[in-house]
Amino acid sequence: MQDILALFHHIHHKNGGHAVHHCGGKHQEINSKLNYNIKHCSCGKHKIDKNTAIGHDWDMREVTVRFAEKCPDGGWHLESGKII
């Protein structure tokens, strides 16, 4: 089973180390397919503002994911995603 969270996170080299970031957000300027925002929600999960979104596997292949569980803060829980 593909780890859904891994499809929507990436690593930046920063100050001689590494920092993990959410995909989407400001990265939309680089790739218009990343037209979503991911934030941490009050449920202790991740929320995304689109019902269907493009993530990437470790080989940078696009993976389309649909989210099932609505978040009370708005959007959908990233963790509820299924690859379609």
PDB file of N, CA and C in Angstrom:
ATOM      1  N   MET A   1       0.837  -1.192   0.000  1.00  0.00           N
ATOM      2  CA  MET A   1       0.000   0.000   0.000  1.00  0.00           C
ATOM      3  C   MET A   1       0.879   1.251   0.000  1.00  0.00           C
ATOM      4  N   GLN A   2       0.553   2.181  -0.873  1.00  0.00           N
ATOM      5  CA  GLN A   2       1.300   3.432  -0.976  1.00  0.00           C
ATOM      6  C   GLN A   2       1.007   4.307   0.242  1.00  0.00           C
ATOM      7  N   ASP A   3       2.027   4.899   0.818  1.00  0.00           N
ATOM      8  CA  ASP A   3       1.834   5.817   1.933  1.00  0.00           C
ATOM      9  C   ASP A   3       1.326   7.148   1.373  1.00  0.00           C
ATOM     10  N   ILE A   4       0.065   7.465   1.602  1.00  0.00           N
ATOM     11  CA  ILE A   4      -0.557   8.664   1.047  1.00  0.00           C
ATOM     12  C   ILE A   4       0.172   9.927   1.504  1.00  0.00           C
ATOM     13  N   LEU A   5       0.566   9.999   2.766  1.00  0.00           N
ATOM     14  CA  LEU A   5       1.255  11.191   3.251  1.00  0.00           C
ATOM     15  C   LEU A   5       2.549  11.447   2.491  1.00  0.00           C
ATOM     16  N   ALA A   6       3.267  10.389   2.163  1.00  0.00           N
ATOM     17  CA  ALA A   6       4.535  10.543   1.445  1.00  0.00           C
ATOM     18  C   ALA A   6       4.329  11.136   0.058  1.00  0.00           C
ATOM     19  N   LEU A   7       3.167  10.918  -0.538  1.00  0.00           N
ATOM     20  CA  LEU A   7       2.887  11.463  -1.871  1.00  0.00           C
ATOM     21  C   LEU A   7       2.761  12.983  -1.858  1.00  0.00           C
ATOM     22  N   PHE A   8       2.517  13.562  -0.678  1.00  0.00           N
ATOM     23  CA  PHE A   8       2.245  14.992  -0.578  1.00  0.00           C
ATOM     24  C   PHE A   8       3.250  15.733   0.309  1.00  0.00           C
ATOM     25  N   HIS A   9       4.413  15.141   0.522  1.00  0.00           N
ATOM     26  CA  HIS A   9       5.496  15.783   1.261  1.00  0.00           C
ATOM     27  C   HIS A   9       6.772  15.666   0.432  1.00  0.00           C
ATOM     28  N   HIS A  10       7.665  16.618   0.602  1.00  0.00           N
ATOM     29  CA  HIS A  10       8.960  16.548  -0.073  1.00  0.00           C
ATOM     30  C   HIS A  10      10.013  17.189   0.826  1.00  0.00           C
ATOM     31  N   ILE A  11      11.256  16.951   0.480  1.00  0.00           N
ATOM     32  CA  ILE A  11      12.376  17.419   1.304  1.00  0.00           C
ATOM     33  C   ILE A  11      13.121  18.525   0.574  1.00  0.00           C
ATOM     34  N   HIS A  12      13.429  19.604   1.297  1.00  0.00           N
ATOM     35  CA  HIS A  12      14.275  20.682   0.798  1.00  0.00           C
ATOM     36  C   HIS A  12      15.586  20.633   1.565  1.00  0.00           C
ATOM     37  N   HIS A  13      16.672  20.936   0.896  1.00  0.00           N
ATOM     38  CA  HIS A  13      17.955  21.108   1.575  1.00  0.00           C
ATOM     39  C   HIS A  13      17.966  22.521   2.133  1.00  0.00           C
ATOM     40  N   LYS A  14      18.237  22.638   3.428  1.00  0.00           N
ATOM     41  CA  LYS A  14      18.164  23.946   4.071  1.00  0.00           C
ATOM     42  C   LYS A  14      19.218  24.048   5.164  1.00  0.00           C
ATOM     43  N   ASN A  15      20.052  25.063   5.076  1.00  0.00           N
ATOM     44  CA  ASN A  15      21.080  25.346   6.088  1.00  0.00           C
ATOM     45  C   ASN A  15      21.913  24.114   6.419  1.00  0.00           C
ATOM     46  N   GLY A  16      22.335  23.381   5.401  1.00  0.00           N
ATOM     47  CA  GLY A  16      23.170  22.204   5.607  1.00  0.00           C
ATOM     48  C   GLY A  16      22.405  20.992   6.111  1.00  0.00           C
ATOM     49  N   GLY A  17      21.098  21.101   6.225  1.00  0.00           N
ATOM     50  CA  GLY A  17      20.275  19.981   6.688  1.00  0.00           C
ATOM     51  C   GLY A  17      19.114  19.761   5.739  1.00  0.00           C
ATOM     52  N   HIS A  18      18.066  19.154   6.257  1.00  0.00           N
ATOM     53  CA  HIS A  18      16.885  18.870   5.460  1.00  0.00           C
ATOM     54  C   HIS A  18      15.644  19.357   6.193  1.00  0.00           C
ATOM     55  N   ALA A  19      14.669  19.822   5.419  1.00  0.00           N
ATOM     56  CA  ALA A  19      13.389  20.245   5.979  1.00  0.00           C
ATOM     57  C   ALA A  19      12.280  19.615   5.153  1.00  0.00           C
ATOM     58  N   VAL A  20      11.292  19.033   5.812  1.00  0.00           N
ATOM     59  CA  VAL A  20      10.163  18.409   5.134  1.00  0.00           C
ATOM     60  C   VAL A  20       9.068  19.455   4.956  1.00  0.00           C
ATOM     61  N   HIS A  21       8.533  19.532   3.735  1.00  0.00           N
ATOM     62  CA  HIS A  21       7.495  20.502   3.404  1.00  0.00           C
ATOM     63  C   HIS A  21       6.296  19.794   2.797  1.00  0.00           C
ATOM     64  N   HIS A  22       5.128  20.434   2.893  1.00  0.00           N
ATOM     65  CA  HIS A  22       3.936  19.953   2.199  1.00  0.00           C
ATOM     66  C   HIS A  22       4.037  20.365   0.735  1.00  0.00           C
ATOM     67  N   CYS A  23       3.528  19.543  -0.148  1.00  0.00           N
ATOM     68  CA  CYS A  23       3.417  19.910  -1.555  1.00  0.00           C
ATOM     69  C   CYS A  23       2.277  20.918  -1.704  1.00  0.00           C
ATOM     70  N   GLY A  24       2.137  21.474  -2.890  1.00  0.00           N
ATOM     71  CA  GLY A  24       1.096  22.463  -3.140  1.00  0.00           C
ATOM     72  C   GLY A  24       1.521  23.820  -2.619  1.00  0.00           C
ATOM     73  N   GLY A  25       0.551  24.652  -2.286  1.00  0.00           N
ATOM     74  CA  GLY A  25       0.839  25.993  -1.769  1.00  0.00           C
ATOM     75  C   GLY A  25       1.688  26.788  -2.730  1.00  0.00           C
ATOM     76  N   LYS A  26       2.812  27.319  -2.256  1.00  0.00           N
ATOM     77  CA  LYS A  26       3.661  28.159  -3.103  1.00  0.00           C
ATOM     78  C   LYS A  26       4.297  27.378  -4.253  1.00  0.00           C
ATOM     79  N   HIS A  27       4.275  26.055  -4.186  1.00  0.00           N
ATOM     80  CA  HIS A  27       4.837  25.242  -5.264  1.00  0.00           C
ATOM     81  C   HIS A  27       3.965  25.256  -6.515  1.00  0.00           C
ATOM     82  N   GLN A  28       2.754  25.841  -6.416  1.00  0.00           N
ATOM     83  CA  GLN A  28       1.872  25.985  -7.570  1.00  0.00           C
ATOM     84  C   GLN A  28       2.531  26.827  -8.653  1.00  0.00           C
ATOM     85  N   GLU A  29       3.408  27.745  -8.245  1.00  0.00           N
ATOM     86  CA  GLU A  29       4.091  28.600  -9.209  1.00  0.00           C
ATOM     87  C   GLU A  29       4.993  27.780 -10.121  1.00  0.00           C
ATOM     88  N   ILE A  30       5.504  26.664  -9.631  1.00  0.00           N
ATOM     89  CA  ILE A  30       6.399  25.793 -10.397  1.00  0.00           C
ATOM     90  C   ILE A  30       5.595  24.787 -11.216  1.00  0.00           C
ATOM     91  N   ASN A  31       4.521  24.254 -10.632  1.00  0.00           N
ATOM     92  CA  ASN A  31       3.715  23.226 -11.289  1.00  0.00           C
ATOM     93  C   ASN A  31       2.240  23.512 -11.016  1.00  0.00           C
ATOM     94  N   SER A  32       1.511  23.928 -12.041  1.00  0.00           N
ATOM     95  CA  SER A  32       0.108  24.314 -11.869  1.00  0.00           C
ATOM     96  C   SER A  32      -0.780  23.153 -11.433  1.00  0.00           C
ATOM     97  N   LYS A  33      -0.301  21.905 -11.545  1.00  0.00           N
ATOM     98  CA  LYS A  33      -1.089  20.749 -11.096  1.00  0.00           C
ATOM     99  C   LYS A  33      -1.116  20.655  -9.569  1.00  0.00           C
ATOM    100  N   LEU A  34      -0.260  21.410  -8.907  1.00  0.00           N
ATOM    101  CA  LEU A  34      -0.202  21.400  -7.441  1.00  0.00           C
ATOM    102  C   LEU A  34      -1.084  22.522  -6.878  1.00  0.00           C
ATOM    103  N   ASN A  35      -2.296  22.650  -7.431  1.00  0.00           N
ATOM    104  CA  ASN A  35      -3.190  23.758  -7.086  1.00  0.00           C
ATOM    105  C   ASN A  35      -4.023  23.458  -5.843  1.00  0.00           C
ATOM    106  N   TYR A  36      -3.353  23.137  -4.768  1.00  0.00           N
ATOM    107  CA  TYR A  36      -4.018  22.844  -3.504  1.00  0.00           C
ATOM    108  C   TYR A  36      -3.148  23.335  -2.364  1.00  0.00           C
ATOM    109  N   ASN A  37      -3.752  23.391  -1.193  1.00  0.00           N
ATOM    110  CA  ASN A  37      -3.029  23.782   0.018  1.00  0.00           C
ATOM    111  C   ASN A  37      -3.231  22.711   1.072  1.00  0.00           C
ATOM    112  N   ILE A  38      -2.159  22.370   1.760  1.00  0.00           N
ATOM    113  CA  ILE A  38      -2.181  21.371   2.831  1.00  0.00           C
ATOM    114  C   ILE A  38      -1.724  22.046   4.115  1.00  0.00           C
ATOM    115  N   LYS A  39      -2.495  21.828   5.167  1.00  0.00           N
ATOM    116  CA  LYS A  39      -2.146  22.373   6.482  1.00  0.00           C
ATOM    117  C   LYS A  39      -2.454  21.325   7.546  1.00  0.00           C
ATOM    118  N   HIS A  40      -1.890  21.497   8.719  1.00  0.00           N
ATOM    119  CA  HIS A  40      -2.256  20.654   9.843  1.00  0.00           C
ATOM    120  C   HIS A  40      -3.593  21.159  10.384  1.00  0.00           C
ATOM    121  N   CYS A  41      -4.457  20.238  10.782  1.00  0.00           N
ATOM    122  CA  CYS A  41      -5.779  20.644  11.277  1.00  0.00           C
ATOM    123  C   CYS A  41      -5.905  20.341  12.774  1.00  0.00           C
ATOM    124  N   SER A  42      -7.004  20.783  13.352  1.00  0.00           N
ATOM    125  CA  SER A  42      -7.230  20.601  14.787  1.00  0.00           C
ATOM    126  C   SER A  42      -7.490  19.136  15.149  1.00  0.00           C
ATOM    127  N   CYS A  43      -7.708  18.293  14.160  1.00  0.00           N
ATOM    128  CA  CYS A  43      -7.937  16.858  14.397  1.00  0.00           C
ATOM    129  C   CYS A  43      -6.627  16.103  14.607  1.00  0.00           C
ATOM    130  N   GLY A  44      -5.508  16.796  14.421  1.00  0.00           N
ATOM    131  CA  GLY A  44      -4.207  16.138  14.520  1.00  0.00           C
ATOM    132  C   GLY A  44      -3.819  15.444  13.221  1.00  0.00           C
ATOM    133  N   LYS A  45      -4.491  15.807  12.143  1.00  0.00           N
ATOM    134  CA  LYS A  45      -4.207  15.229  10.831  1.00  0.00           C
ATOM    135  C   LYS A  45      -3.797  16.351   9.876  1.00  0.00           C
ATOM    136  N   HIS A  46      -3.743  16.015   8.595  1.00  0.00           N
ATOM    137  CA  HIS A  46      -3.488  16.998   7.553  1.00  0.00           C
ATOM    138  C   HIS A  46      -4.797  17.257   6.815  1.00  0.00           C
ATOM    139  N   LYS A  47      -5.071  18.522   6.479  1.00  0.00           N
ATOM    140  CA  LYS A  47      -6.247  18.812   5.674  1.00  0.00           C
ATOM    141  C   LYS A  47      -5.790  19.394   4.340  1.00  0.00           C
ATOM    142  N   ILE A  48      -6.521  19.028   3.288  1.00  0.00           N
ATOM    143  CA  ILE A  48      -6.250  19.511   1.936  1.00  0.00           C
ATOM    144  C   ILE A  48      -7.530  20.164   1.430  1.00  0.00           C
ATOM    145  N   ASP A  49      -7.395  21.234   0.655  1.00  0.00           N
ATOM    146  CA  ASP A  49      -8.577  21.990   0.230  1.00  0.00           C
ATOM    147  C   ASP A  49      -9.167  21.528  -1.107  1.00  0.00           C
ATOM    148  N   LYS A  50      -8.714  20.422  -1.640  1.00  0.00           N
ATOM    149  CA  LYS A  50      -9.273  19.846  -2.871  1.00  0.00           C
ATOM    150  C   LYS A  50      -9.685  18.404  -2.600  1.00  0.00           C
ATOM    151  N   ASN A  51     -10.772  17.956  -3.239  1.00  0.00           N
ATOM    152  CA  ASN A  51     -11.242  16.584  -3.049  1.00  0.00           C
ATOM    153  C   ASN A  51     -10.390  15.567  -3.809  1.00  0.00           C
ATOM    154  N   THR A  52      -9.763  16.012  -4.890  1.00  0.00           N
ATOM    155  CA  THR A  52      -8.873  15.172  -5.691  1.00  0.00           C
ATOM    156  C   THR A  52      -7.608  15.979  -5.960  1.00  0.00           C
ATOM    157  N   ALA A  53      -6.439  15.334  -5.839  1.00  0.00           N
ATOM    158  CA  ALA A  53      -5.187  16.065  -6.023  1.00  0.00           C
ATOM    159  C   ALA A  53      -4.104  15.148  -6.589  1.00  0.00           C
ATOM    160  N   ILE A  54      -3.091  15.773  -7.182  1.00  0.00           N
ATOM    161  CA  ILE A  54      -1.937  15.070  -7.735  1.00  0.00           C
ATOM    162  C   ILE A  54      -0.812  15.077  -6.699  1.00  0.00           C
ATOM    163  N   GLY A  55      -0.289  13.895  -6.386  1.00  0.00           N
ATOM    164  CA  GLY A  55       0.902  13.761  -5.563  1.00  0.00           C
ATOM    165  C   GLY A  55       1.993  13.126  -6.408  1.00  0.00           C
ATOM    166  N   HIS A  56       3.134  12.836  -5.813  1.00  0.00           N
ATOM    167  CA  HIS A  56       4.249  12.228  -6.547  1.00  0.00           C
ATOM    168  C   HIS A  56       4.881  11.124  -5.720  1.00  0.00           C
ATOM    169  N   ASP A  57       5.210  10.019  -6.417  1.00  0.00           N
ATOM    170  CA  ASP A  57       5.917   8.938  -5.730  1.00  0.00           C
ATOM    171  C   ASP A  57       7.414   9.267  -5.694  1.00  0.00           C
ATOM    172  N   TRP A  58       8.224   8.360  -5.158  1.00  0.00           N
ATOM    173  CA  TRP A  58       9.658   8.617  -4.997  1.00  0.00           C
ATOM    174  C   TRP A  58      10.381   8.763  -6.327  1.00  0.00           C
ATOM    175  N   ASP A  59       9.793   8.259  -7.407  1.00  0.00           N
ATOM    176  CA  ASP A  59      10.376   8.394  -8.742  1.00  0.00           C
ATOM    177  C   ASP A  59       9.797   9.590  -9.487  1.00  0.00           C
ATOM    178  N   MET A  60       9.065  10.457  -8.772  1.00  0.00           N
ATOM    179  CA  MET A  60       8.447  11.672  -9.293  1.00  0.00           C
ATOM    180  C   MET A  60       7.367  11.406 -10.336  1.00  0.00           C
ATOM    181  N   ARG A  61       6.783  10.213 -10.311  1.00  0.00           N
ATOM    182  CA  ARG A  61       5.633   9.919 -11.165  1.00  0.00           C
ATOM    183  C   ARG A  61       4.389  10.494 -10.505  1.00  0.00           C
ATOM    184  N   GLU A  62       3.512  11.098 -11.315  1.00  0.00           N
ATOM    185  CA  GLU A  62       2.271  11.666 -10.786  1.00  0.00           C
ATOM    186  C   GLU A  62       1.331  10.558 -10.334  1.00  0.00           C
ATOM    187  N   VAL A  63       0.688  10.787  -9.196  1.00  0.00           N
ATOM    188  CA  VAL A  63      -0.286   9.857  -8.638  1.00  0.00           C
ATOM    189  C   VAL A  63      -1.526  10.677  -8.275  1.00  0.00           C
ATOM    190  N   THR A  64      -2.688  10.274  -8.792  1.00  0.00           N
ATOM    191  CA  THR A  64      -3.931  10.979  -8.488  1.00  0.00           C
ATOM    192  C   THR A  64      -4.604  10.327  -7.291  1.00  0.00           C
ATOM    193  N   VAL A  65      -5.001  11.158  -6.336  1.00  0.00           N
ATOM    194  CA  VAL A  65      -5.582  10.675  -5.083  1.00  0.00           C
ATOM    195  C   VAL A  65      -6.908  11.395  -4.840  1.00  0.00           C
ATOM    196  N   ARG A  66      -7.920  10.653  -4.395  1.00  0.00           N
ATOM    197  CA  ARG A  66      -9.209  11.227  -3.997  1.00  0.00           C
ATOM    198  C   ARG A  66      -9.369  11.026  -2.490  1.00  0.00           C
ATOM    199  N   PHE A  67      -9.875  12.044  -1.811  1.00  0.00           N
ATOM    200  CA  PHE A  67     -10.005  12.041  -0.360  1.00  0.00           C
ATOM    201  C   PHE A  67     -11.461  11.832   0.032  1.00  0.00           C
ATOM    202  N   ALA A  68     -11.694  11.037   1.070  1.00  0.00           N
ATOM    203  CA  ALA A  68     -13.048  10.629   1.445  1.00  0.00           C
ATOM    204  C   ALA A  68     -13.569  11.308   2.708  1.00  0.00           C
ATOM    205  N   GLU A  69     -12.692  11.587   3.661  1.00  0.00           N
ATOM    206  CA  GLU A  69     -13.127  12.065   4.972  1.00  0.00           C
ATOM    207  C   GLU A  69     -13.057  13.588   5.059  1.00  0.00           C
ATOM    208  N   LYS A  70     -14.215  14.217   5.261  1.00  0.00           N
ATOM    209  CA  LYS A  70     -14.243  15.670   5.419  1.00  0.00           C
ATOM    210  C   LYS A  70     -13.680  16.063   6.784  1.00  0.00           C
ATOM    211  N   CYS A  71     -12.973  17.170   6.792  1.00  0.00           N
ATOM    212  CA  CYS A  71     -12.412  17.708   8.034  1.00  0.00           C
ATOM    213  C   CYS A  71     -13.351  18.786   8.572  1.00  0.00           C
ATOM    214  N   PRO A  72     -13.632  18.802   9.878  1.00  0.00           N
ATOM    215  CA  PRO A  72     -14.489  19.841  10.440  1.00  0.00           C
ATOM    216  C   PRO A  72     -13.907  21.248  10.272  1.00  0.00           C
ATOM    217  N   ASP A  73     -12.588  21.346  10.061  1.00  0.00           N
ATOM    218  CA  ASP A  73     -11.936  22.642   9.835  1.00  0.00           C
ATOM    219  C   ASP A  73     -12.088  23.110   8.387  1.00  0.00           C
ATOM    220  N   GLY A  74     -12.683  22.268   7.533  1.00  0.00           N
ATOM    221  CA  GLY A  74     -12.804  22.563   6.111  1.00  0.00           C
ATOM    222  C   GLY A  74     -11.879  21.672   5.311  1.00  0.00           C
ATOM    223  N   GLY A  75     -12.278  21.343   4.105  1.00  0.00           N
ATOM    224  CA  GLY A  75     -11.467  20.481   3.261  1.00  0.00           C
ATOM    225  C   GLY A  75     -11.615  19.015   3.633  1.00  0.00           C
ATOM    226  N   TRP A  76     -10.619  18.223   3.299  1.00  0.00           N
ATOM    227  CA  TRP A  76     -10.630  16.773   3.516  1.00  0.00           C
ATOM    228  C   TRP A  76      -9.347  16.353   4.212  1.00  0.00           C
ATOM    229  N   HIS A  77      -9.429  15.265   4.955  1.00  0.00           N
ATOM    230  CA  HIS A  77      -8.238  14.720   5.596  1.00  0.00           C
ATOM    231  C   HIS A  77      -7.381  14.007   4.549  1.00  0.00           C
ATOM    232  N   LEU A  78      -6.149  14.410   4.451  1.00  0.00           N
ATOM    233  CA  LEU A  78      -5.187  13.819   3.525  1.00  0.00           C
ATOM    234  C   LEU A  78      -5.061  12.312   3.783  1.00  0.00           C
ATOM    235  N   GLU A  79      -5.100  11.955   5.046  1.00  0.00           N
ATOM    236  CA  GLU A  79      -4.920  10.557   5.441  1.00  0.00           C
ATOM    237  C   GLU A  79      -6.019   9.646   4.920  1.00  0.00           C
ATOM    238  N   SER A  80      -7.150  10.202   4.473  1.00  0.00           N
ATOM    239  CA  SER A  80      -8.262   9.388   3.977  1.00  0.00           C
ATOM    240  C   SER A  80      -8.156   9.130   2.478  1.00  0.00           C
ATOM    241  N   GLY A  81      -7.060   9.552   1.871  1.00  0.00           N
ATOM    242  CA  GLY A  81      -6.919   9.436   0.436  1.00  0.00           C
ATOM    243  C   GLY A  81      -6.755   8.019  -0.074  1.00  0.00           C
ATOM    244  N   LYS A  82      -7.280   7.809  -1.278  1.00  0.00           N
ATOM    245  CA  LYS A  82      -7.138   6.539  -2.006  1.00  0.00           C
ATOM    246  C   LYS A  82      -6.634   6.867  -3.404  1.00  0.00           C
ATOM    247  N   ILE A  83      -5.684   6.117  -3.870  1.00  0.00           N
ATOM    248  CA  ILE A  83      -5.159   6.304  -5.228  1.00  0.00           C
ATOM    249  C   ILE A  83      -6.232   5.879  -6.223  1.00  0.00           C
ATOM    250  N   ILE A  84      -6.471   6.715  -7.229  1.00  0.00           N
ATOM    251  CA  ILE A  84      -7.475   6.386  -8.253  1.00  0.00           C
ATOM    252  C   ILE A  84      -6.814   6.280  -9.624  1.00  0.00           C
TER     253      ILE A  84
END
